[in-house]
Amino acid sequence: MNQQDLKMRTPRVFAIEKMNEIFRDIPYGIEHTMKVLSNAELIMESLEINDELKELISLTAILHDIGAVEAQKKYNSMEGKYQEIEGPLIAREILLQIDYQQSKINRICYIIGNHHSPSKIDGIDFEIQWDADLLENLAADEILNHSDKLVEYIENNFKTEKGKVLAYERFVNNS
């Protein structure tokens, strides 16, 4: 594929294609990623965010777990800390292929490199990614079996109001 073909695609489409390639043998990776992207979009709808930031957040959602396959190869684990190590380099390579702006690449890579580290959250873009991913991870969490602790967990861990609303709708009001 030549450089002109790459530039014809939107960054979002290109990132999804690359994510699909990387996760081709791990369908749940693709499914999880697309659900996180959908969650991020729902959260963004509730906020006044410009198109440029929406694109950055969407790319972050698409690429947030991009280091999982490499982490499995290197560390025999897809644990979050290994994804944080491997993901930024892979995301950077993908984004450089479409000549994405360096400052935006740096921001996306920062979030990917810390997306399992809540103490590193430092902006609305990171808050949205955190909540979007947490909504999916919570669906498989044992805390769902402890309704007495679930409300406190939601209040203490979600960063955006819309993230909290979605968590209540999916996990508290539906039980």
N, C-alpha and C. Protein backbone atom coordinates (compact mmCIF):
# COMPACT_ATOMS: atom_id res chain seq x y z
N MET A 1 0.85 -1.18 0.00
CA MET A 1 0.00 0.00 0.00
C MET A 1 0.89 1.24 0.00
N ASN A 2 0.64 2.13 -0.93
CA ASN A 2 1.49 3.32 -1.01
C ASN A 2 0.99 4.42 -0.08
N GLN A 3 1.82 5.44 0.06
CA GLN A 3 1.53 6.52 1.00
C GLN A 3 0.24 7.25 0.65
N GLN A 4 -0.04 7.41 -0.63
CA GLN A 4 -1.27 8.11 -1.03
C GLN A 4 -2.51 7.31 -0.62
N ASP A 5 -2.46 5.98 -0.75
CA ASP A 5 -3.58 5.14 -0.32
C ASP A 5 -3.82 5.29 1.17
N LEU A 6 -2.73 5.36 1.94
CA LEU A 6 -2.86 5.52 3.39
C LEU A 6 -3.54 6.83 3.74
N LYS A 7 -3.16 7.89 3.05
CA LYS A 7 -3.70 9.21 3.37
C LYS A 7 -5.16 9.36 2.95
N MET A 8 -5.64 8.48 2.07
CA MET A 8 -7.04 8.54 1.63
C MET A 8 -7.97 8.05 2.74
N ARG A 9 -7.49 7.20 3.61
CA ARG A 9 -8.31 6.67 4.70
C ARG A 9 -8.32 7.66 5.86
N THR A 10 -9.39 7.64 6.61
CA THR A 10 -9.40 8.46 7.82
C THR A 10 -8.51 7.77 8.85
N PRO A 11 -7.95 8.52 9.78
CA PRO A 11 -7.15 7.89 10.83
C PRO A 11 -7.92 6.80 11.57
N ARG A 12 -9.20 7.04 11.81
CA ARG A 12 -10.03 6.07 12.53
C ARG A 12 -10.13 4.75 11.76
N VAL A 13 -10.43 4.82 10.46
CA VAL A 13 -10.56 3.62 9.64
C VAL A 13 -9.22 2.87 9.60
N PHE A 14 -8.15 3.62 9.40
CA PHE A 14 -6.83 3.00 9.34
C PHE A 14 -6.50 2.30 10.67
N ALA A 15 -6.77 2.97 11.78
CA ALA A 15 -6.48 2.38 13.10
C ALA A 15 -7.30 1.11 13.33
N ILE A 16 -8.55 1.13 12.93
CA ILE A 16 -9.40 -0.06 13.08
C ILE A 16 -8.84 -1.21 12.23
N GLU A 17 -8.43 -0.91 11.00
CA GLU A 17 -7.85 -1.94 10.14
C GLU A 17 -6.61 -2.55 10.80
N LYS A 18 -5.74 -1.72 11.32
CA LYS A 18 -4.51 -2.21 11.96
C LYS A 18 -4.82 -3.01 13.22
N MET A 19 -5.78 -2.52 14.01
CA MET A 19 -6.18 -3.24 15.22
C MET A 19 -6.73 -4.62 14.85
N ASN A 20 -7.55 -4.68 13.81
CA ASN A 20 -8.10 -5.95 13.35
C ASN A 20 -6.99 -6.91 12.91
N GLU A 21 -5.98 -6.39 12.23
CA GLU A 21 -4.84 -7.22 11.82
C GLU A 21 -4.11 -7.79 13.04
N ILE A 22 -3.84 -6.94 14.00
CA ILE A 22 -3.09 -7.37 15.18
C ILE A 22 -3.88 -8.39 16.00
N PHE A 23 -5.18 -8.17 16.12
CA PHE A 23 -6.02 -9.07 16.92
C PHE A 23 -6.70 -10.18 16.09
N ARG A 24 -6.25 -10.41 14.88
CA ARG A 24 -6.93 -11.36 13.99
C ARG A 24 -7.09 -12.75 14.61
N ASP A 25 -6.15 -13.15 15.46
CA ASP A 25 -6.25 -14.47 16.10
C ASP A 25 -6.87 -14.39 17.50
N ILE A 26 -7.29 -13.19 17.89
CA ILE A 26 -7.89 -12.99 19.21
C ILE A 26 -9.18 -12.19 19.03
N PRO A 27 -10.25 -12.85 18.58
CA PRO A 27 -11.50 -12.12 18.29
C PRO A 27 -12.04 -11.32 19.47
N TYR A 28 -11.86 -11.82 20.70
CA TYR A 28 -12.37 -11.05 21.84
C TYR A 28 -11.63 -9.72 21.99
N GLY A 29 -10.41 -9.63 21.49
CA GLY A 29 -9.68 -8.37 21.51
C GLY A 29 -10.34 -7.34 20.62
N ILE A 30 -10.79 -7.79 19.46
CA ILE A 30 -11.50 -6.91 18.52
C ILE A 30 -12.84 -6.50 19.13
N GLU A 31 -13.57 -7.48 19.65
CA GLU A 31 -14.88 -7.21 20.23
C GLU A 31 -14.76 -6.23 21.41
N HIS A 32 -13.81 -6.47 22.30
CA HIS A 32 -13.61 -5.58 23.44
C HIS A 32 -13.29 -4.16 22.96
N THR A 33 -12.38 -4.06 22.02
CA THR A 33 -11.97 -2.75 21.52
C THR A 33 -13.15 -1.99 20.93
N MET A 34 -13.97 -2.66 20.14
CA MET A 34 -15.10 -1.98 19.52
C MET A 34 -16.15 -1.57 20.55
N LYS A 35 -16.31 -2.35 21.60
CA LYS A 35 -17.22 -1.96 22.68
C LYS A 35 -16.67 -0.75 23.44
N VAL A 36 -15.36 -0.72 23.68
CA VAL A 36 -14.75 0.44 24.35
C VAL A 36 -14.92 1.68 23.47
N LEU A 37 -14.72 1.54 22.17
CA LEU A 37 -14.92 2.67 21.26
C LEU A 37 -16.36 3.16 21.33
N SER A 38 -17.31 2.25 21.33
CA SER A 38 -18.73 2.61 21.42
C SER A 38 -19.01 3.34 22.74
N ASN A 39 -18.46 2.84 23.82
CA ASN A 39 -18.63 3.50 25.12
C ASN A 39 -18.05 4.91 25.09
N ALA A 40 -16.87 5.05 24.52
CA ALA A 40 -16.24 6.37 24.43
C ALA A 40 -17.12 7.33 23.65
N GLU A 41 -17.70 6.84 22.56
CA GLU A 41 -18.59 7.68 21.75
C GLU A 41 -19.82 8.11 22.54
N LEU A 42 -20.40 7.18 23.31
CA LEU A 42 -21.55 7.53 24.14
C LEU A 42 -21.20 8.60 25.17
N ILE A 43 -20.04 8.46 25.77
CA ILE A 43 -19.61 9.44 26.77
C ILE A 43 -19.35 10.79 26.10
N MET A 44 -18.70 10.77 24.94
CA MET A 44 -18.40 12.03 24.25
C MET A 44 -19.65 12.77 23.84
N GLU A 45 -20.73 12.03 23.50
CA GLU A 45 -21.99 12.68 23.11
C GLU A 45 -22.55 13.56 24.22
N SER A 46 -22.23 13.22 25.46
CA SER A 46 -22.77 13.97 26.59
C SER A 46 -21.93 15.20 26.94
N LEU A 47 -20.82 15.37 26.25
CA LEU A 47 -19.90 16.45 26.56
C LEU A 47 -19.71 17.36 25.35
N GLU A 48 -19.32 18.58 25.60
CA GLU A 48 -19.00 19.50 24.51
C GLU A 48 -17.53 19.32 24.16
N ILE A 49 -17.29 18.46 23.17
CA ILE A 49 -15.92 18.15 22.76
C ILE A 49 -15.81 18.41 21.26
N ASN A 50 -14.75 19.10 20.86
CA ASN A 50 -14.59 19.40 19.43
C ASN A 50 -14.18 18.14 18.66
N ASP A 51 -14.33 18.22 17.34
CA ASP A 51 -14.07 17.06 16.48
C ASP A 51 -12.63 16.56 16.57
N GLU A 52 -11.71 17.47 16.73
CA GLU A 52 -10.29 17.10 16.83
C GLU A 52 -10.05 16.23 18.06
N LEU A 53 -10.62 16.62 19.18
CA LEU A 53 -10.46 15.84 20.41
C LEU A 53 -11.23 14.52 20.32
N LYS A 54 -12.40 14.55 19.68
CA LYS A 54 -13.16 13.31 19.49
C LYS A 54 -12.33 12.29 18.70
N GLU A 55 -11.65 12.76 17.68
CA GLU A 55 -10.82 11.85 16.89
C GLU A 55 -9.69 11.27 17.74
N LEU A 56 -9.04 12.11 18.53
CA LEU A 56 -7.96 11.64 19.40
C LEU A 56 -8.48 10.59 20.38
N ILE A 57 -9.61 10.85 20.98
CA ILE A 57 -10.19 9.91 21.95
C ILE A 57 -10.60 8.61 21.25
N SER A 58 -11.16 8.71 20.06
CA SER A 58 -11.53 7.51 19.31
C SER A 58 -10.29 6.68 18.97
N LEU A 59 -9.23 7.32 18.53
CA LEU A 59 -8.00 6.60 18.22
C LEU A 59 -7.41 5.94 19.47
N THR A 60 -7.50 6.64 20.58
CA THR A 60 -7.02 6.06 21.84
C THR A 60 -7.83 4.82 22.19
N ALA A 61 -9.14 4.90 22.04
CA ALA A 61 -9.99 3.74 22.33
C ALA A 61 -9.65 2.57 21.42
N ILE A 62 -9.45 2.85 20.14
CA ILE A 62 -9.15 1.79 19.18
C ILE A 62 -7.81 1.13 19.48
N LEU A 63 -6.85 1.91 19.94
CA LEU A 63 -5.49 1.40 20.12
C LEU A 63 -5.13 1.10 21.58
N HIS A 64 -6.06 1.27 22.50
CA HIS A 64 -5.70 1.19 23.93
C HIS A 64 -5.10 -0.15 24.34
N ASP A 65 -5.54 -1.26 23.77
CA ASP A 65 -5.02 -2.58 24.13
C ASP A 65 -4.10 -3.16 23.05
N ILE A 66 -3.62 -2.32 22.17
CA ILE A 66 -2.86 -2.77 21.01
C ILE A 66 -1.58 -3.52 21.40
N GLY A 67 -1.11 -3.34 22.61
CA GLY A 67 0.10 -4.04 23.07
C GLY A 67 -0.15 -5.42 23.63
N ALA A 68 -1.40 -5.85 23.70
CA ALA A 68 -1.74 -7.12 24.35
C ALA A 68 -1.10 -8.33 23.69
N VAL A 69 -1.10 -8.38 22.37
CA VAL A 69 -0.54 -9.53 21.66
C VAL A 69 0.97 -9.60 21.88
N GLU A 70 1.63 -8.47 21.76
CA GLU A 70 3.08 -8.43 21.99
C GLU A 70 3.40 -8.75 23.45
N ALA A 71 2.58 -8.28 24.38
CA ALA A 71 2.78 -8.60 25.80
C ALA A 71 2.69 -10.10 26.02
N GLN A 72 1.73 -10.73 25.36
CA GLN A 72 1.58 -12.19 25.48
C GLN A 72 2.84 -12.89 24.97
N LYS A 73 3.37 -12.43 23.86
CA LYS A 73 4.57 -13.04 23.28
C LYS A 73 5.78 -12.85 24.20
N LYS A 74 5.98 -11.64 24.71
CA LYS A 74 7.18 -11.33 25.48
C LYS A 74 7.12 -11.79 26.93
N TYR A 75 5.93 -11.64 27.56
CA TYR A 75 5.81 -11.87 29.00
C TYR A 75 4.90 -13.03 29.34
N ASN A 76 4.35 -13.67 28.31
CA ASN A 76 3.38 -14.75 28.49
C ASN A 76 2.18 -14.29 29.34
N SER A 77 1.81 -13.03 29.15
CA SER A 77 0.72 -12.43 29.91
C SER A 77 0.18 -11.21 29.16
N MET A 78 -1.13 -11.05 29.24
CA MET A 78 -1.75 -9.83 28.70
C MET A 78 -2.12 -8.86 29.81
N GLU A 79 -1.56 -9.07 30.96
CA GLU A 79 -1.83 -8.21 32.11
C GLU A 79 -1.59 -6.74 31.74
N GLY A 80 -2.39 -5.88 32.35
CA GLY A 80 -2.36 -4.46 32.03
C GLY A 80 -0.99 -3.82 32.06
N LYS A 81 -0.18 -4.17 33.04
CA LYS A 81 1.14 -3.52 33.13
C LYS A 81 2.00 -3.83 31.92
N TYR A 82 1.82 -5.00 31.32
CA TYR A 82 2.58 -5.36 30.13
C TYR A 82 2.01 -4.69 28.89
N GLN A 83 0.70 -4.53 28.86
CA GLN A 83 0.08 -3.78 27.75
C GLN A 83 0.57 -2.33 27.77
N GLU A 84 0.72 -1.78 28.96
CA GLU A 84 1.21 -0.41 29.09
C GLU A 84 2.64 -0.28 28.58
N ILE A 85 3.43 -1.31 28.72
CA ILE A 85 4.81 -1.28 28.23
C ILE A 85 4.85 -1.39 26.71
N GLU A 86 4.10 -2.34 26.17
CA GLU A 86 4.19 -2.66 24.74
C GLU A 86 3.31 -1.80 23.85
N GLY A 87 2.19 -1.32 24.36
CA GLY A 87 1.23 -0.61 23.53
C GLY A 87 1.69 0.68 22.89
N PRO A 88 2.36 1.57 23.64
CA PRO A 88 2.72 2.86 23.04
C PRO A 88 3.59 2.76 21.78
N LEU A 89 4.54 1.89 21.77
CA LEU A 89 5.41 1.77 20.60
C LEU A 89 4.62 1.31 19.37
N ILE A 90 3.75 0.34 19.56
CA ILE A 90 2.94 -0.16 18.45
C ILE A 90 1.97 0.92 17.96
N ALA A 91 1.33 1.61 18.90
CA ALA A 91 0.41 2.69 18.53
C ALA A 91 1.16 3.79 17.77
N ARG A 92 2.33 4.14 18.26
CA ARG A 92 3.13 5.18 17.61
C ARG A 92 3.45 4.78 16.16
N GLU A 93 3.85 3.53 15.95
CA GLU A 93 4.17 3.07 14.60
C GLU A 93 2.95 3.17 13.68
N ILE A 94 1.80 2.80 14.19
CA ILE A 94 0.56 2.87 13.40
C ILE A 94 0.25 4.32 13.03
N LEU A 95 0.30 5.20 14.00
CA LEU A 95 -0.07 6.59 13.78
C LEU A 95 0.94 7.33 12.91
N LEU A 96 2.20 6.94 12.98
CA LEU A 96 3.21 7.56 12.12
C LEU A 96 2.99 7.19 10.65
N GLN A 97 2.41 6.04 10.41
CA GLN A 97 2.14 5.61 9.02
C GLN A 97 1.17 6.53 8.32
N ILE A 98 0.35 7.23 9.08
CA ILE A 98 -0.62 8.15 8.47
C ILE A 98 -0.24 9.61 8.75
N ASP A 99 1.01 9.81 9.16
CA ASP A 99 1.52 11.17 9.43
C ASP A 99 0.65 11.94 10.41
N TYR A 100 0.19 11.23 11.44
CA TYR A 100 -0.62 11.89 12.47
C TYR A 100 0.27 12.89 13.21
N GLN A 101 -0.31 13.94 13.69
CA GLN A 101 0.44 15.01 14.36
C GLN A 101 1.19 14.47 15.58
N GLN A 102 2.46 14.82 15.68
CA GLN A 102 3.34 14.28 16.73
C GLN A 102 2.82 14.54 18.14
N SER A 103 2.32 15.73 18.41
CA SER A 103 1.83 16.03 19.76
C SER A 103 0.63 15.16 20.11
N LYS A 104 -0.21 14.87 19.11
CA LYS A 104 -1.37 14.01 19.35
C LYS A 104 -0.92 12.56 19.54
N ILE A 105 0.07 12.13 18.76
CA ILE A 105 0.62 10.78 18.94
C ILE A 105 1.16 10.65 20.36
N ASN A 106 1.88 11.65 20.80
CA ASN A 106 2.44 11.61 22.16
C ASN A 106 1.34 11.49 23.21
N ARG A 107 0.26 12.22 23.02
CA ARG A 107 -0.85 12.16 23.99
C ARG A 107 -1.52 10.80 23.99
N ILE A 108 -1.80 10.27 22.80
CA ILE A 108 -2.41 8.94 22.69
C ILE A 108 -1.50 7.90 23.34
N CYS A 109 -0.22 7.98 23.07
CA CYS A 109 0.73 7.01 23.64
C CYS A 109 0.85 7.14 25.15
N TYR A 110 0.75 8.36 25.66
CA TYR A 110 0.75 8.54 27.11
C TYR A 110 -0.44 7.81 27.74
N ILE A 111 -1.61 8.01 27.17
CA ILE A 111 -2.81 7.37 27.73
C ILE A 111 -2.70 5.85 27.61
N ILE A 112 -2.30 5.35 26.45
CA ILE A 112 -2.15 3.91 26.27
C ILE A 112 -1.11 3.36 27.25
N GLY A 113 -0.06 4.08 27.45
CA GLY A 113 1.01 3.64 28.34
C GLY A 113 0.66 3.71 29.81
N ASN A 114 -0.51 4.24 30.11
CA ASN A 114 -0.94 4.37 31.50
C ASN A 114 -2.40 3.97 31.70
N HIS A 115 -3.00 3.30 30.74
CA HIS A 115 -4.45 3.12 30.77
C HIS A 115 -4.95 2.15 31.83
N HIS A 116 -4.04 1.53 32.56
CA HIS A 116 -4.42 0.72 33.73
C HIS A 116 -3.94 1.39 35.03
N SER A 117 -3.58 2.66 34.95
CA SER A 117 -3.02 3.39 36.08
C SER A 117 -3.85 4.64 36.37
N PRO A 118 -4.88 4.50 37.19
CA PRO A 118 -5.77 5.64 37.43
C PRO A 118 -5.07 6.87 38.01
N SER A 119 -3.97 6.68 38.69
CA SER A 119 -3.27 7.84 39.26
C SER A 119 -2.65 8.72 38.18
N LYS A 120 -2.58 8.23 36.97
CA LYS A 120 -1.98 8.99 35.86
C LYS A 120 -3.01 9.77 35.05
N ILE A 121 -4.29 9.62 35.37
CA ILE A 121 -5.34 10.31 34.63
C ILE A 121 -5.17 11.81 34.83
N ASP A 122 -5.09 12.54 33.71
CA ASP A 122 -4.78 13.97 33.80
C ASP A 122 -5.57 14.84 32.82
N GLY A 123 -6.69 14.33 32.33
CA GLY A 123 -7.47 15.16 31.42
C GLY A 123 -8.74 14.44 30.99
N ILE A 124 -9.64 15.18 30.37
CA ILE A 124 -10.93 14.62 29.98
C ILE A 124 -10.77 13.50 28.95
N ASP A 125 -9.77 13.60 28.08
CA ASP A 125 -9.54 12.54 27.10
C ASP A 125 -9.20 11.22 27.80
N PHE A 126 -8.37 11.30 28.81
CA PHE A 126 -7.98 10.12 29.57
C PHE A 126 -9.17 9.63 30.41
N GLU A 127 -9.92 10.56 31.00
CA GLU A 127 -11.10 10.18 31.79
C GLU A 127 -12.10 9.40 30.95
N ILE A 128 -12.32 9.85 29.72
CA ILE A 128 -13.27 9.17 28.84
C ILE A 128 -12.76 7.77 28.50
N GLN A 129 -11.48 7.66 28.17
CA GLN A 129 -10.91 6.35 27.87
C GLN A 129 -11.01 5.43 29.08
N TRP A 130 -10.70 5.95 30.24
CA TRP A 130 -10.77 5.16 31.48
C TRP A 130 -12.18 4.60 31.68
N ASP A 131 -13.16 5.49 31.60
CA ASP A 131 -14.55 5.06 31.83
C ASP A 131 -15.03 4.09 30.75
N ALA A 132 -14.68 4.36 29.50
CA ALA A 132 -15.11 3.50 28.40
C ALA A 132 -14.57 2.08 28.58
N ASP A 133 -13.33 1.96 28.98
CA ASP A 133 -12.70 0.66 29.21
C ASP A 133 -13.25 0.02 30.49
N LEU A 134 -13.42 0.82 31.53
CA LEU A 134 -13.92 0.30 32.80
C LEU A 134 -15.32 -0.28 32.66
N LEU A 135 -16.14 0.33 31.84
CA LEU A 135 -17.49 -0.21 31.60
C LEU A 135 -17.42 -1.64 31.06
N GLU A 136 -16.50 -1.90 30.17
CA GLU A 136 -16.36 -3.25 29.62
C GLU A 136 -15.70 -4.20 30.61
N ASN A 137 -14.71 -3.72 31.31
CA ASN A 137 -14.03 -4.58 32.29
C ASN A 137 -14.93 -4.91 33.47
N LEU A 138 -15.78 -3.97 33.83
CA LEU A 138 -16.69 -4.19 34.95
C LEU A 138 -17.70 -5.29 34.65
N ALA A 139 -18.06 -5.44 33.38
CA ALA A 139 -19.02 -6.48 32.99
C ALA A 139 -18.54 -7.88 33.37
N ALA A 140 -17.25 -8.06 33.51
CA ALA A 140 -16.69 -9.36 33.86
C ALA A 140 -16.11 -9.38 35.28
N ASP A 141 -16.34 -8.32 36.03
CA ASP A 141 -15.75 -8.20 37.35
C ASP A 141 -16.58 -8.91 38.42
N GLU A 142 -15.92 -9.48 39.37
CA GLU A 142 -16.57 -10.19 40.47
C GLU A 142 -17.42 -9.26 41.34
N ILE A 143 -17.10 -7.99 41.33
CA ILE A 143 -17.85 -7.05 42.18
C ILE A 143 -19.34 -7.01 41.80
N LEU A 144 -19.67 -7.43 40.59
CA LEU A 144 -21.08 -7.46 40.20
C LEU A 144 -21.88 -8.40 41.09
N ASN A 145 -21.21 -9.34 41.73
CA ASN A 145 -21.87 -10.27 42.65
C ASN A 145 -22.09 -9.67 44.03
N HIS A 146 -21.60 -8.45 44.24
CA HIS A 146 -21.69 -7.79 45.54
C HIS A 146 -22.38 -6.44 45.37
N SER A 147 -23.69 -6.48 45.23
CA SER A 147 -24.43 -5.25 44.95
C SER A 147 -24.23 -4.18 46.02
N ASP A 148 -23.95 -4.60 47.24
CA ASP A 148 -23.72 -3.63 48.31
C ASP A 148 -22.45 -2.81 48.07
N LYS A 149 -21.47 -3.37 47.38
CA LYS A 149 -20.22 -2.67 47.11
C LYS A 149 -20.19 -2.01 45.73
N LEU A 150 -21.13 -2.40 44.87
CA LEU A 150 -21.11 -1.94 43.49
C LEU A 150 -21.32 -0.43 43.37
N VAL A 151 -22.27 0.12 44.08
CA VAL A 151 -22.54 1.56 44.00
C VAL A 151 -21.31 2.35 44.45
N GLU A 152 -20.71 1.93 45.54
CA GLU A 152 -19.50 2.60 46.02
C GLU A 152 -18.37 2.50 44.99
N TYR A 153 -18.24 1.33 44.38
CA TYR A 153 -17.22 1.13 43.35
C TYR A 153 -17.43 2.09 42.18
N ILE A 154 -18.66 2.18 41.72
CA ILE A 154 -18.96 3.09 40.61
C ILE A 154 -18.63 4.52 40.99
N GLU A 155 -19.09 4.95 42.15
CA GLU A 155 -18.85 6.34 42.59
C GLU A 155 -17.35 6.64 42.73
N ASN A 156 -16.59 5.68 43.19
CA ASN A 156 -15.17 5.90 43.45
C ASN A 156 -14.27 5.72 42.24
N ASN A 157 -14.73 5.02 41.22
CA ASN A 157 -13.84 4.67 40.11
C ASN A 157 -14.15 5.34 38.78
N PHE A 158 -15.40 5.65 38.52
CA PHE A 158 -15.71 6.31 37.26
C PHE A 158 -15.41 7.79 37.37
N LYS A 159 -14.93 8.37 36.28
CA LYS A 159 -14.46 9.75 36.30
C LYS A 159 -15.44 10.74 35.68
N THR A 160 -16.25 10.27 34.72
CA THR A 160 -17.20 11.18 34.06
C THR A 160 -18.61 10.88 34.56
N GLU A 161 -19.44 11.89 34.53
CA GLU A 161 -20.84 11.69 34.94
C GLU A 161 -21.53 10.69 34.02
N LYS A 162 -21.29 10.79 32.72
CA LYS A 162 -21.92 9.87 31.78
C LYS A 162 -21.42 8.44 32.00
N GLY A 163 -20.15 8.28 32.34
CA GLY A 163 -19.64 6.95 32.65
C GLY A 163 -20.37 6.35 33.84
N LYS A 164 -20.61 7.17 34.85
CA LYS A 164 -21.35 6.70 36.03
C LYS A 164 -22.79 6.33 35.65
N VAL A 165 -23.42 7.18 34.87
CA VAL A 165 -24.80 6.91 34.45
C VAL A 165 -24.87 5.59 33.68
N LEU A 166 -23.96 5.38 32.76
CA LEU A 166 -23.95 4.13 31.99
C LEU A 166 -23.71 2.93 32.89
N ALA A 167 -22.83 3.07 33.86
CA ALA A 167 -22.56 1.97 34.80
C ALA A 167 -23.80 1.64 35.62
N TYR A 168 -24.48 2.67 36.11
CA TYR A 168 -25.73 2.43 36.86
C TYR A 168 -26.77 1.76 35.99
N GLU A 169 -26.93 2.26 34.75
CA GLU A 169 -27.92 1.68 33.85
C GLU A 169 -27.63 0.21 33.56
N ARG A 170 -26.38 -0.11 33.33
CA ARG A 170 -26.01 -1.47 32.93
C ARG A 170 -25.91 -2.45 34.08
N PHE A 171 -25.48 -1.97 35.24
CA PHE A 171 -25.12 -2.91 36.30
C PHE A 171 -25.92 -2.79 37.58
N VAL A 172 -26.54 -1.63 37.83
CA VAL A 172 -27.29 -1.46 39.07
C VAL A 172 -28.79 -1.50 38.80
N ASN A 173 -29.25 -0.65 37.90
CA ASN A 173 -30.69 -0.56 37.63
C ASN A 173 -31.24 -1.76 36.89
N ASN A 174 -30.38 -2.55 36.30
CA ASN A 174 -30.81 -3.73 35.53
C ASN A 174 -30.82 -4.99 36.37
N SER A 175 -30.31 -4.93 37.58
CA SER A 175 -30.21 -6.18 38.38
C SER A 175 -31.46 -6.51 39.14
